[in-house]
Amino acid sequence: MATTFLKTLERTGDPFADLNGYGRPERWTIDRLEPLPEEEWTRMREFLALSDAEMEAMLTTVEALFRRGHELVVATYDYLLHNPETAAILGWESGADPAHLAERRRFFTVWLARLLGMDFSADLANYLFRAGKYHAAHGPRRIHVPPVYVTGSISLVNATFGRFIMEEMPGHASAPLAMAGWNKALTLHLHLMQMGYQAAIAIDQGEIGVPFRLFGRMRTVTGVQSLTVHVDEGAPVETALRKFFNYFPQSRAEVFDVEWAGGERLDSHGTPWFTVNRLYTVKPMWRVLLNGKDLSYVGGPSTPLRAGDEIHIFPPGR
């Protein structure tokens, strides 16, 4: 060990430049991560242009919709129970399991309360993102609900809102504008759920499974100790990392510093456009290990993955 140390010092002047066969550590980056749920929530809300006037009109209908809330919850699951395809998805071909039905009604009731409560918080964006992951069979019951039924259910809620408003507030001047607002709000909810669904589906797609083992704060932030991410054989480590941090977007702030890099892209006519890309650079003292070796020393995220590989993520102090 002493001889290696002296040879390294003699060759480079840096006692840690090549100690134990490793080069100097390099802070590596990954890019092309999906937006955070709260960022996508804001972007989509701005795109939908949900106006103050629509919000005020929606408020005038909240009490009427709230009065019919229980009816909506019960009718929704009665409909899913009696539709052969959704009954099969839920495992209810021979009737609904009482505990499972009560669980789903509670979830639906909480969601409906937040919708009618005009909740547009970042917390709700993350709640909907997590709900989308559950629809991809990443929830406690591991039930996969295809997107067509989630989209269809949102449409049915929208239609039911229209019927309730017509019945409870016939001819009310605010009704048309309120329905425009509820349609936008429900579309916003659907978009965030689809975002979570796609992040979960990506985790399951690939030829090989790469276990991620998490330690320290990462367990607290993600709520898990491990997760298997699927990628194709030979895919770079960054592919697995990208899937992982799209699935657990709340963990990015722990592991990475955000940097910005400018560049150009060509549009469909070949005209160059200046772009700004967000880069995620691993923070000092954070260790992402591939088979026990720190990526900062062994090639970074471009290293190809093979069957049997594992990735461990350690916060500072571990």
C-alpha atoms as a PDB file:
ATOM      1  CA  MET A   1       0.000   0.000   0.000  1.00  0.00           C
ATOM      2  CA  ALA A   2       2.797   2.413   0.929  1.00  0.00           C
ATOM      3  CA  THR A   3       4.691   1.570  -2.257  1.00  0.00           C
ATOM      4  CA  THR A   4       1.598   2.228  -4.376  1.00  0.00           C
ATOM      5  CA  PHE A   5       1.038   5.521  -2.591  1.00  0.00           C
ATOM      6  CA  LEU A   6       4.645   6.640  -3.212  1.00  0.00           C
ATOM      7  CA  LYS A   7       4.555   5.617  -6.861  1.00  0.00           C
ATOM      8  CA  THR A   8       1.327   7.542  -7.372  1.00  0.00           C
ATOM      9  CA  LEU A   9       2.763  10.622  -5.709  1.00  0.00           C
ATOM     10  CA  GLU A  10       5.960  10.355  -7.737  1.00  0.00           C
ATOM     11  CA  ARG A  11       4.102   9.991 -11.063  1.00  0.00           C
ATOM     12  CA  THR A  12       1.353  12.588 -10.644  1.00  0.00           C
ATOM     13  CA  GLY A  13       2.074  14.770  -7.665  1.00  0.00           C
ATOM     14  CA  ASP A  14      -1.431  13.857  -6.421  1.00  0.00           C
ATOM     15  CA  PRO A  15      -1.448  11.160  -3.718  1.00  0.00           C
ATOM     16  CA  PHE A  16      -5.057  10.139  -4.563  1.00  0.00           C
ATOM     17  CA  ALA A  17      -4.955  10.339  -8.371  1.00  0.00           C
ATOM     18  CA  ASP A  18      -4.732   6.582  -8.970  1.00  0.00           C
ATOM     19  CA  LEU A  19      -4.821   4.959  -5.563  1.00  0.00           C
ATOM     20  CA  ASN A  20      -5.979   1.306  -5.536  1.00  0.00           C
ATOM     21  CA  GLY A  21      -6.295   1.329  -9.309  1.00  0.00           C
ATOM     22  CA  TYR A  22      -8.881   4.105  -9.473  1.00  0.00           C
ATOM     23  CA  GLY A  23      -8.510   7.419 -11.253  1.00  0.00           C
ATOM     24  CA  ARG A  24      -9.569  10.777  -9.927  1.00  0.00           C
ATOM     25  CA  PRO A  25     -13.311  10.890  -9.169  1.00  0.00           C
ATOM     26  CA  GLU A  26     -15.436  12.614 -11.814  1.00  0.00           C
ATOM     27  CA  ARG A  27     -18.742  14.249 -10.987  1.00  0.00           C
ATOM     28  CA  TRP A  28     -21.066  12.744 -13.526  1.00  0.00           C
ATOM     29  CA  THR A  29     -24.403  13.963 -14.837  1.00  0.00           C
ATOM     30  CA  ILE A  30     -27.595  12.611 -16.303  1.00  0.00           C
ATOM     31  CA  ASP A  31     -30.118  14.522 -18.369  1.00  0.00           C
ATOM     32  CA  ARG A  32     -33.484  14.150 -20.068  1.00  0.00           C
ATOM     33  CA  LEU A  33     -35.395  13.478 -16.875  1.00  0.00           C
ATOM     34  CA  GLU A  34     -39.122  14.089 -16.999  1.00  0.00           C
ATOM     35  CA  PRO A  35     -40.424  17.250 -15.288  1.00  0.00           C
ATOM     36  CA  LEU A  36     -41.247  17.054 -11.604  1.00  0.00           C
ATOM     37  CA  PRO A  37     -44.972  16.396 -11.042  1.00  0.00           C
ATOM     38  CA  GLU A  38     -45.478  19.872  -9.591  1.00  0.00           C
ATOM     39  CA  GLU A  39     -43.714  21.430 -12.593  1.00  0.00           C
ATOM     40  CA  GLU A  40     -45.867  19.495 -15.046  1.00  0.00           C
ATOM     41  CA  TRP A  41     -48.942  20.423 -12.981  1.00  0.00           C
ATOM     42  CA  THR A  42     -48.142  24.135 -13.355  1.00  0.00           C
ATOM     43  CA  ARG A  43     -47.259  23.825 -17.042  1.00  0.00           C
ATOM     44  CA  MET A  44     -50.461  21.948 -17.892  1.00  0.00           C
ATOM     45  CA  ARG A  45     -52.621  24.281 -15.847  1.00  0.00           C
ATOM     46  CA  GLU A  46     -51.164  27.245 -17.729  1.00  0.00           C
ATOM     47  CA  PHE A  47     -51.740  25.485 -21.041  1.00  0.00           C
ATOM     48  CA  LEU A  48     -55.375  24.772 -20.177  1.00  0.00           C
ATOM     49  CA  ALA A  49     -55.794  28.448 -19.199  1.00  0.00           C
ATOM     50  CA  LEU A  50     -58.093  27.758 -16.271  1.00  0.00           C
ATOM     51  CA  SER A  51     -59.344  31.284 -15.686  1.00  0.00           C
ATOM     52  CA  ASP A  52     -60.415  33.133 -12.551  1.00  0.00           C
ATOM     53  CA  ALA A  53     -63.913  33.403 -14.000  1.00  0.00           C
ATOM     54  CA  GLU A  54     -64.094  29.645 -14.459  1.00  0.00           C
ATOM     55  CA  MET A  55     -62.820  29.109 -10.925  1.00  0.00           C
ATOM     56  CA  GLU A  56     -65.494  31.421  -9.526  1.00  0.00           C
ATOM     57  CA  ALA A  57     -68.167  29.595 -11.515  1.00  0.00           C
ATOM     58  CA  MET A  58     -66.886  26.246 -10.254  1.00  0.00           C
ATOM     59  CA  LEU A  59     -67.165  27.521  -6.681  1.00  0.00           C
ATOM     60  CA  THR A  60     -70.862  28.235  -7.153  1.00  0.00           C
ATOM     61  CA  THR A  61     -71.433  24.545  -7.954  1.00  0.00           C
ATOM     62  CA  VAL A  62     -69.352  22.985  -5.161  1.00  0.00           C
ATOM     63  CA  GLU A  63     -72.176  22.761  -2.627  1.00  0.00           C
ATOM     64  CA  ALA A  64     -74.524  21.090  -5.126  1.00  0.00           C
ATOM     65  CA  LEU A  65     -71.848  18.582  -6.161  1.00  0.00           C
ATOM     66  CA  PHE A  66     -70.879  17.937  -2.562  1.00  0.00           C
ATOM     67  CA  ARG A  67     -74.486  17.019  -1.709  1.00  0.00           C
ATOM     68  CA  ARG A  68     -74.348  14.308  -4.368  1.00  0.00           C
ATOM     69  CA  GLY A  69     -70.815  13.165  -3.567  1.00  0.00           C
ATOM     70  CA  HIS A  70     -71.802   9.952  -1.783  1.00  0.00           C
ATOM     71  CA  GLU A  71     -74.084   9.044  -4.670  1.00  0.00           C
ATOM     72  CA  LEU A  72     -71.225   9.520  -7.121  1.00  0.00           C
ATOM     73  CA  VAL A  73     -68.835   7.336  -5.117  1.00  0.00           C
ATOM     74  CA  VAL A  74     -71.332   4.475  -4.758  1.00  0.00           C
ATOM     75  CA  ALA A  75     -72.528   4.665  -8.367  1.00  0.00           C
ATOM     76  CA  THR A  76     -68.966   4.673  -9.731  1.00  0.00           C
ATOM     77  CA  TYR A  77     -68.055   1.356  -8.135  1.00  0.00           C
ATOM     78  CA  ASP A  78     -71.444  -0.158  -8.909  1.00  0.00           C
ATOM     79  CA  TYR A  79     -70.729   0.656 -12.544  1.00  0.00           C
ATOM     80  CA  LEU A  80     -67.234  -0.867 -12.405  1.00  0.00           C
ATOM     81  CA  LEU A  81     -68.631  -3.956 -10.689  1.00  0.00           C
ATOM     82  CA  HIS A  82     -71.279  -4.544 -13.360  1.00  0.00           C
ATOM     83  CA  ASN A  83     -68.997  -3.871 -16.322  1.00  0.00           C
ATOM     84  CA  PRO A  84     -67.480  -7.279 -17.185  1.00  0.00           C
ATOM     85  CA  GLU A  85     -64.069  -5.908 -18.196  1.00  0.00           C
ATOM     86  CA  THR A  86     -63.495  -3.695 -15.168  1.00  0.00           C
ATOM     87  CA  ALA A  87     -64.940  -6.350 -12.839  1.00  0.00           C
ATOM     88  CA  ALA A  88     -62.336  -8.808 -14.182  1.00  0.00           C
ATOM     89  CA  ILE A  89     -59.529  -6.272 -13.716  1.00  0.00           C
ATOM     90  CA  LEU A  90     -60.546  -5.731 -10.090  1.00  0.00           C
ATOM     91  CA  GLY A  91     -61.064  -9.450  -9.459  1.00  0.00           C
ATOM     92  CA  TRP A  92     -64.771  -8.929  -8.877  1.00  0.00           C
ATOM     93  CA  GLU A  93     -66.196 -11.444 -11.360  1.00  0.00           C
ATOM     94  CA  SER A  94     -68.070 -13.163  -8.513  1.00  0.00           C
ATOM     95  CA  GLY A  95     -68.849  -9.961  -6.637  1.00  0.00           C
ATOM     96  CA  ALA A  96     -66.849  -7.238  -4.924  1.00  0.00           C
ATOM     97  CA  ASP A  97     -64.667  -8.115  -1.971  1.00  0.00           C
ATOM     98  CA  PRO A  98     -66.050  -5.907   0.854  1.00  0.00           C
ATOM     99  CA  ALA A  99     -62.647  -4.848   2.183  1.00  0.00           C
ATOM    100  CA  HIS A 100     -61.336  -4.049  -1.289  1.00  0.00           C
ATOM    101  CA  LEU A 101     -64.502  -2.127  -2.188  1.00  0.00           C
ATOM    102  CA  ALA A 102     -64.326  -0.081   1.031  1.00  0.00           C
ATOM    103  CA  GLU A 103     -60.666   0.684   0.351  1.00  0.00           C
ATOM    104  CA  ARG A 104     -61.365   1.921  -3.167  1.00  0.00           C
ATOM    105  CA  ARG A 105     -64.348   3.974  -2.039  1.00  0.00           C
ATOM    106  CA  ARG A 106     -62.179   5.666   0.595  1.00  0.00           C
ATOM    107  CA  PHE A 107     -59.533   6.520  -1.996  1.00  0.00           C
ATOM    108  CA  PHE A 108     -62.173   7.866  -4.386  1.00  0.00           C
ATOM    109  CA  THR A 109     -63.793   9.900  -1.605  1.00  0.00           C
ATOM    110  CA  VAL A 110     -60.469  11.527  -0.649  1.00  0.00           C
ATOM    111  CA  TRP A 111     -59.769  12.342  -4.282  1.00  0.00           C
ATOM    112  CA  LEU A 112     -63.263  13.785  -4.790  1.00  0.00           C
ATOM    113  CA  ALA A 113     -62.972  15.894  -1.630  1.00  0.00           C
ATOM    114  CA  ARG A 114     -59.697  17.394  -2.852  1.00  0.00           C
ATOM    115  CA  LEU A 115     -61.182  18.044  -6.288  1.00  0.00           C
ATOM    116  CA  LEU A 116     -64.279  19.755  -4.883  1.00  0.00           C
ATOM    117  CA  GLY A 117     -62.085  21.560  -2.360  1.00  0.00           C
ATOM    118  CA  MET A 118     -60.407  23.263  -5.338  1.00  0.00           C
ATOM    119  CA  ASP A 119     -57.025  21.887  -4.322  1.00  0.00           C
ATOM    120  CA  PHE A 120     -54.390  22.932  -6.870  1.00  0.00           C
ATOM    121  CA  SER A 121     -51.376  22.363  -4.629  1.00  0.00           C
ATOM    122  CA  ALA A 122     -48.068  20.713  -5.493  1.00  0.00           C
ATOM    123  CA  ASP A 123     -48.945  18.068  -2.911  1.00  0.00           C
ATOM    124  CA  LEU A 124     -51.994  17.084  -4.962  1.00  0.00           C
ATOM    125  CA  ALA A 125     -49.828  16.848  -8.085  1.00  0.00           C
ATOM    126  CA  ASN A 126     -47.619  14.312  -6.317  1.00  0.00           C
ATOM    127  CA  TYR A 127     -50.679  12.498  -4.933  1.00  0.00           C
ATOM    128  CA  LEU A 128     -52.067  12.069  -8.454  1.00  0.00           C
ATOM    129  CA  PHE A 129     -48.667  10.995  -9.777  1.00  0.00           C
ATOM    130  CA  ARG A 130     -48.570   8.271  -7.119  1.00  0.00           C
ATOM    131  CA  ALA A 131     -52.133   7.234  -8.003  1.00  0.00           C
ATOM    132  CA  GLY A 132     -50.987   6.780 -11.585  1.00  0.00           C
ATOM    133  CA  LYS A 133     -48.233   4.431 -10.416  1.00  0.00           C
ATOM    134  CA  TYR A 134     -50.829   2.431  -8.507  1.00  0.00           C
ATOM    135  CA  HIS A 135     -52.854   2.034 -11.720  1.00  0.00           C
ATOM    136  CA  ALA A 136     -49.757   0.447 -13.291  1.00  0.00           C
ATOM    137  CA  ALA A 137     -49.866  -2.344 -10.668  1.00  0.00           C
ATOM    138  CA  HIS A 138     -47.385  -0.597  -8.378  1.00  0.00           C
ATOM    139  CA  GLY A 139     -49.873  -0.274  -5.520  1.00  0.00           C
ATOM    140  CA  PRO A 140     -50.394  -2.561  -2.530  1.00  0.00           C
ATOM    141  CA  ARG A 141     -52.791  -4.860  -4.422  1.00  0.00           C
ATOM    142  CA  ARG A 142     -50.690  -4.936  -7.634  1.00  0.00           C
ATOM    143  CA  ILE A 143     -53.758  -4.402  -9.846  1.00  0.00           C
ATOM    144  CA  HIS A 144     -53.071  -3.094 -13.339  1.00  0.00           C
ATOM    145  CA  VAL A 145     -55.772  -0.743 -14.621  1.00  0.00           C
ATOM    146  CA  PRO A 146     -55.235  -0.011 -18.345  1.00  0.00           C
ATOM    147  CA  PRO A 147     -55.268   3.709 -19.241  1.00  0.00           C
ATOM    148  CA  VAL A 148     -58.488   3.425 -21.227  1.00  0.00           C
ATOM    149  CA  TYR A 149     -60.435   2.766 -18.018  1.00  0.00           C
ATOM    150  CA  VAL A 150     -58.803   5.614 -16.117  1.00  0.00           C
ATOM    151  CA  THR A 151     -59.553   8.000 -18.983  1.00  0.00           C
ATOM    152  CA  GLY A 152     -63.074   6.594 -19.239  1.00  0.00           C
ATOM    153  CA  SER A 153     -63.674   6.979 -15.510  1.00  0.00           C
ATOM    154  CA  ILE A 154     -62.605  10.630 -15.586  1.00  0.00           C
ATOM    155  CA  SER A 155     -64.975  11.200 -18.507  1.00  0.00           C
ATOM    156  CA  LEU A 156     -67.814   9.557 -16.583  1.00  0.00           C
ATOM    157  CA  VAL A 157     -67.151  11.793 -13.570  1.00  0.00           C
ATOM    158  CA  ASN A 158     -67.211  14.824 -15.848  1.00  0.00           C
ATOM    159  CA  ALA A 159     -70.530  13.731 -17.347  1.00  0.00           C
ATOM    160  CA  THR A 160     -71.977  13.063 -13.882  1.00  0.00           C
ATOM    161  CA  PHE A 161     -70.919  16.538 -12.727  1.00  0.00           C
ATOM    162  CA  GLY A 162     -72.839  17.962 -15.682  1.00  0.00           C
ATOM    163  CA  ARG A 163     -75.943  15.967 -14.782  1.00  0.00           C
ATOM    164  CA  PHE A 164     -75.789  16.881 -11.099  1.00  0.00           C
ATOM    165  CA  ILE A 165     -75.398  20.588 -11.876  1.00  0.00           C
ATOM    166  CA  MET A 166     -78.301  20.474 -14.330  1.00  0.00           C
ATOM    167  CA  GLU A 167     -80.501  18.719 -11.749  1.00  0.00           C
ATOM    168  CA  GLU A 168     -79.461  20.768  -8.727  1.00  0.00           C
ATOM    169  CA  MET A 169     -79.068  24.175 -10.418  1.00  0.00           C
ATOM    170  CA  PRO A 170     -81.367  24.150 -13.473  1.00  0.00           C
ATOM    171  CA  GLY A 171     -80.820  27.168 -15.689  1.00  0.00           C
ATOM    172  CA  HIS A 172     -78.125  28.679 -13.459  1.00  0.00           C
ATOM    173  CA  ALA A 173     -76.104  31.267 -15.361  1.00  0.00           C
ATOM    174  CA  SER A 174     -72.779  29.970 -14.021  1.00  0.00           C
ATOM    175  CA  ALA A 175     -73.356  26.373 -15.053  1.00  0.00           C
ATOM    176  CA  PRO A 176     -71.766  26.433 -18.549  1.00  0.00           C
ATOM    177  CA  LEU A 177     -68.635  28.232 -17.357  1.00  0.00           C
ATOM    178  CA  ALA A 178     -68.420  25.961 -14.314  1.00  0.00           C
ATOM    179  CA  MET A 179     -68.538  22.847 -16.492  1.00  0.00           C
ATOM    180  CA  ALA A 180     -65.768  24.269 -18.675  1.00  0.00           C
ATOM    181  CA  GLY A 181     -63.679  24.708 -15.535  1.00  0.00           C
ATOM    182  CA  TRP A 182     -64.412  21.236 -14.140  1.00  0.00           C
ATOM    183  CA  ASN A 183     -63.526  19.721 -17.504  1.00  0.00           C
ATOM    184  CA  LYS A 184     -60.131  21.449 -17.399  1.00  0.00           C
ATOM    185  CA  ALA A 185     -59.520  20.455 -13.780  1.00  0.00           C
ATOM    186  CA  LEU A 186     -60.352  16.800 -14.467  1.00  0.00           C
ATOM    187  CA  THR A 187     -58.099  16.824 -17.536  1.00  0.00           C
ATOM    188  CA  LEU A 188     -55.308  18.177 -15.353  1.00  0.00           C
ATOM    189  CA  HIS A 189     -55.844  15.369 -12.838  1.00  0.00           C
ATOM    190  CA  LEU A 190     -55.870  12.776 -15.602  1.00  0.00           C
ATOM    191  CA  HIS A 191     -52.625  14.099 -17.083  1.00  0.00           C
ATOM    192  CA  LEU A 192     -50.758  13.778 -13.776  1.00  0.00           C
ATOM    193  CA  MET A 193     -52.068  10.249 -13.241  1.00  0.00           C
ATOM    194  CA  GLN A 194     -50.946   9.290 -16.743  1.00  0.00           C
ATOM    195  CA  MET A 195     -47.522  10.725 -15.989  1.00  0.00           C
ATOM    196  CA  GLY A 196     -47.177   8.486 -12.928  1.00  0.00           C
ATOM    197  CA  TYR A 197     -48.511   5.511 -14.890  1.00  0.00           C
ATOM    198  CA  GLN A 198     -45.873   5.938 -17.610  1.00  0.00           C
ATOM    199  CA  ALA A 199     -43.065   6.248 -15.043  1.00  0.00           C
ATOM    200  CA  ALA A 200     -44.155   2.953 -13.474  1.00  0.00           C
ATOM    201  CA  ILE A 201     -44.580   1.133 -16.793  1.00  0.00           C
ATOM    202  CA  ALA A 202     -41.054   2.162 -17.799  1.00  0.00           C
ATOM    203  CA  ILE A 203     -39.658   0.510 -14.655  1.00  0.00           C
ATOM    204  CA  ASP A 204     -41.057  -2.847 -15.802  1.00  0.00           C
ATOM    205  CA  GLN A 205     -39.866  -2.725 -19.424  1.00  0.00           C
ATOM    206  CA  GLY A 206     -36.545  -4.348 -20.345  1.00  0.00           C
ATOM    207  CA  GLU A 207     -34.743  -7.653 -20.710  1.00  0.00           C
ATOM    208  CA  ILE A 208     -32.951  -7.658 -17.361  1.00  0.00           C
ATOM    209  CA  GLY A 209     -33.821  -6.520 -13.846  1.00  0.00           C
ATOM    210  CA  VAL A 210     -31.313  -4.286 -12.065  1.00  0.00           C
ATOM    211  CA  PRO A 211     -31.904  -4.117  -8.291  1.00  0.00           C
ATOM    212  CA  PHE A 212     -31.475  -0.690  -6.686  1.00  0.00           C
ATOM    213  CA  ARG A 213     -30.567  -0.869  -2.976  1.00  0.00           C
ATOM    214  CA  LEU A 214     -31.184   2.339  -1.037  1.00  0.00           C
ATOM    215  CA  PHE A 215     -29.651   3.545   2.213  1.00  0.00           C
ATOM    216  CA  GLY A 216     -30.076   6.344   4.732  1.00  0.00           C
ATOM    217  CA  ARG A 217     -32.205   9.301   3.643  1.00  0.00           C
ATOM    218  CA  MET A 218     -33.046   7.660   0.349  1.00  0.00           C
ATOM    219  CA  ARG A 219     -35.201   5.139   2.190  1.00  0.00           C
ATOM    220  CA  THR A 220     -37.096   7.934   3.907  1.00  0.00           C
ATOM    221  CA  VAL A 221     -37.609   9.966   0.745  1.00  0.00           C
ATOM    222  CA  THR A 222     -38.722   7.054  -1.444  1.00  0.00           C
ATOM    223  CA  GLY A 223     -40.442   4.926   1.191  1.00  0.00           C
ATOM    224  CA  VAL A 224     -38.660   1.765   0.012  1.00  0.00           C
ATOM    225  CA  GLN A 225     -35.398  -0.047   0.657  1.00  0.00           C
ATOM    226  CA  SER A 226     -35.083  -1.518  -2.814  1.00  0.00           C
ATOM    227  CA  LEU A 227     -36.612  -1.457  -6.273  1.00  0.00           C
ATOM    228  CA  THR A 228     -35.873  -3.446  -9.417  1.00  0.00           C
ATOM    229  CA  VAL A 229     -35.552  -1.417 -12.618  1.00  0.00           C
ATOM    230  CA  HIS A 230     -35.732  -3.263 -15.940  1.00  0.00           C
ATOM    231  CA  VAL A 231     -33.549  -2.278 -18.905  1.00  0.00           C
ATOM    232  CA  ASP A 232     -32.291  -3.991 -22.032  1.00  0.00           C
ATOM    233  CA  GLU A 233     -29.027  -5.938 -21.837  1.00  0.00           C
ATOM    234  CA  GLY A 234     -26.105  -3.590 -22.524  1.00  0.00           C
ATOM    235  CA  ALA A 235     -28.043  -0.400 -21.827  1.00  0.00           C
ATOM    236  CA  PRO A 236     -25.967   2.266 -20.077  1.00  0.00           C
ATOM    237  CA  VAL A 237     -26.345   2.827 -16.350  1.00  0.00           C
ATOM    238  CA  GLU A 238     -27.898   6.206 -17.106  1.00  0.00           C
ATOM    239  CA  THR A 239     -30.942   4.434 -18.613  1.00  0.00           C
ATOM    240  CA  ALA A 240     -31.627   2.703 -15.295  1.00  0.00           C
ATOM    241  CA  LEU A 241     -30.902   5.896 -13.350  1.00  0.00           C
ATOM    242  CA  ARG A 242     -33.240   7.881 -15.569  1.00  0.00           C
ATOM    243  CA  LYS A 243     -36.058   5.401 -15.001  1.00  0.00           C
ATOM    244  CA  PHE A 244     -35.407   5.341 -11.258  1.00  0.00           C
ATOM    245  CA  PHE A 245     -35.394   9.122 -10.830  1.00  0.00           C
ATOM    246  CA  ASN A 246     -38.460   9.519 -13.046  1.00  0.00           C
ATOM    247  CA  TYR A 247     -40.224   6.998 -10.780  1.00  0.00           C
ATOM    248  CA  PHE A 248     -39.036   8.746  -7.597  1.00  0.00           C
ATOM    249  CA  PRO A 249     -38.826  12.386  -8.736  1.00  0.00           C
ATOM    250  CA  GLN A 250     -38.872  13.638  -5.127  1.00  0.00           C
ATOM    251  CA  SER A 251     -35.469  11.997  -4.552  1.00  0.00           C
ATOM    252  CA  ARG A 252     -33.629  14.075  -7.174  1.00  0.00           C
ATOM    253  CA  ALA A 253     -33.081  17.044  -4.891  1.00  0.00           C
ATOM    254  CA  GLU A 254     -31.275  14.768  -2.433  1.00  0.00           C
ATOM    255  CA  VAL A 255     -28.800  13.278  -4.905  1.00  0.00           C
ATOM    256  CA  PHE A 256     -28.255  15.955  -7.554  1.00  0.00           C
ATOM    257  CA  ASP A 257     -27.358  19.562  -8.083  1.00  0.00           C
ATOM    258  CA  VAL A 258     -29.158  21.088 -11.067  1.00  0.00           C
ATOM    259  CA  GLU A 259     -27.114  22.760 -13.765  1.00  0.00           C
ATOM    260  CA  TRP A 260     -28.108  24.258 -17.086  1.00  0.00           C
ATOM    261  CA  ALA A 261     -26.411  23.770 -20.432  1.00  0.00           C
ATOM    262  CA  GLY A 262     -27.150  25.561 -23.673  1.00  0.00           C
ATOM    263  CA  GLY A 263     -27.254  23.896 -27.058  1.00  0.00           C
ATOM    264  CA  GLU A 264     -28.920  23.858 -30.445  1.00  0.00           C
ATOM    265  CA  ARG A 265     -31.482  21.631 -32.077  1.00  0.00           C
ATOM    266  CA  LEU A 266     -32.879  21.611 -35.597  1.00  0.00           C
ATOM    267  CA  ASP A 267     -36.568  22.054 -36.266  1.00  0.00           C
ATOM    268  CA  SER A 268     -38.452  20.179 -38.991  1.00  0.00           C
ATOM    269  CA  HIS A 269     -37.147  22.660 -41.572  1.00  0.00           C
ATOM    270  CA  GLY A 270     -33.505  22.268 -40.511  1.00  0.00           C
ATOM    271  CA  THR A 271     -33.424  25.650 -38.786  1.00  0.00           C
ATOM    272  CA  PRO A 272     -31.254  25.692 -35.637  1.00  0.00           C
ATOM    273  CA  TRP A 273     -32.912  26.707 -32.372  1.00  0.00           C
ATOM    274  CA  PHE A 274     -31.130  27.520 -29.139  1.00  0.00           C
ATOM    275  CA  THR A 275     -32.190  25.265 -26.272  1.00  0.00           C
ATOM    276  CA  VAL A 276     -31.422  25.101 -22.554  1.00  0.00           C
ATOM    277  CA  ASN A 277     -31.141  21.641 -21.027  1.00  0.00           C
ATOM    278  CA  ARG A 278     -31.320  20.732 -17.362  1.00  0.00           C
ATOM    279  CA  LEU A 279     -28.426  18.577 -16.188  1.00  0.00           C
ATOM    280  CA  TYR A 280     -28.445  16.640 -12.936  1.00  0.00           C
ATOM    281  CA  THR A 281     -24.941  16.462 -11.451  1.00  0.00           C
ATOM    282  CA  VAL A 282     -24.294  14.062  -8.587  1.00  0.00           C
ATOM    283  CA  LYS A 283     -23.593  15.939  -5.346  1.00  0.00           C
ATOM    284  CA  PRO A 284     -20.240  15.611  -3.593  1.00  0.00           C
ATOM    285  CA  MET A 285     -20.099  12.743  -1.071  1.00  0.00           C
ATOM    286  CA  TRP A 286     -23.114  10.979  -2.580  1.00  0.00           C
ATOM    287  CA  ARG A 287     -22.142   7.528  -3.800  1.00  0.00           C
ATOM    288  CA  VAL A 288     -23.881   5.606  -6.540  1.00  0.00           C
ATOM    289  CA  LEU A 289     -22.243   2.185  -6.745  1.00  0.00           C
ATOM    290  CA  LEU A 290     -22.364  -0.317  -9.574  1.00  0.00           C
ATOM    291  CA  ASN A 291     -21.521  -3.733  -8.135  1.00  0.00           C
ATOM    292  CA  GLY A 292     -19.777  -2.044  -5.217  1.00  0.00           C
ATOM    293  CA  LYS A 293     -17.731   0.402  -7.319  1.00  0.00           C
ATOM    294  CA  ASP A 294     -18.418   4.117  -7.295  1.00  0.00           C
ATOM    295  CA  LEU A 295     -19.587   5.403 -10.686  1.00  0.00           C
ATOM    296  CA  SER A 296     -17.440   8.476 -10.131  1.00  0.00           C
ATOM    297  CA  TYR A 297     -14.364   6.255 -10.550  1.00  0.00           C
ATOM    298  CA  VAL A 298     -15.401   3.544 -13.006  1.00  0.00           C
ATOM    299  CA  GLY A 299     -16.720   5.248 -16.108  1.00  0.00           C
ATOM    300  CA  GLY A 300     -19.799   7.071 -14.923  1.00  0.00           C
ATOM    301  CA  PRO A 301     -23.335   6.524 -16.198  1.00  0.00           C
ATOM    302  CA  SER A 302     -22.261   5.414 -19.679  1.00  0.00           C
ATOM    303  CA  THR A 303     -21.097   2.049 -18.272  1.00  0.00           C
ATOM    304  CA  PRO A 304     -23.146  -0.789 -19.855  1.00  0.00           C
ATOM    305  CA  LEU A 305     -25.347  -2.979 -17.675  1.00  0.00           C
ATOM    306  CA  ARG A 306     -25.329  -6.766 -17.653  1.00  0.00           C
ATOM    307  CA  ALA A 307     -27.491  -9.410 -16.010  1.00  0.00           C
ATOM    308  CA  GLY A 308     -26.638  -9.690 -12.320  1.00  0.00           C
ATOM    309  CA  ASP A 309     -25.594  -6.046 -11.897  1.00  0.00           C
ATOM    310  CA  GLU A 310     -26.778  -4.093  -8.860  1.00  0.00           C
ATOM    311  CA  ILE A 311     -26.861  -0.377  -8.071  1.00  0.00           C
ATOM    312  CA  HIS A 312     -26.546   0.955  -4.511  1.00  0.00           C
ATOM    313  CA  ILE A 313     -27.199   4.590  -3.518  1.00  0.00           C
ATOM    314  CA  PHE A 314     -25.575   5.926  -0.343  1.00  0.00           C
ATOM    315  CA  PRO A 315     -25.992   9.422   1.134  1.00  0.00           C
ATOM    316  CA  PRO A 316     -23.017  11.214   2.696  1.00  0.00           C
ATOM    317  CA  GLY A 317     -21.781   9.716   5.920  1.00  0.00           C
ATOM    318  CA  ARG A 318     -22.375   6.107   4.915  1.00  0.00           C
END
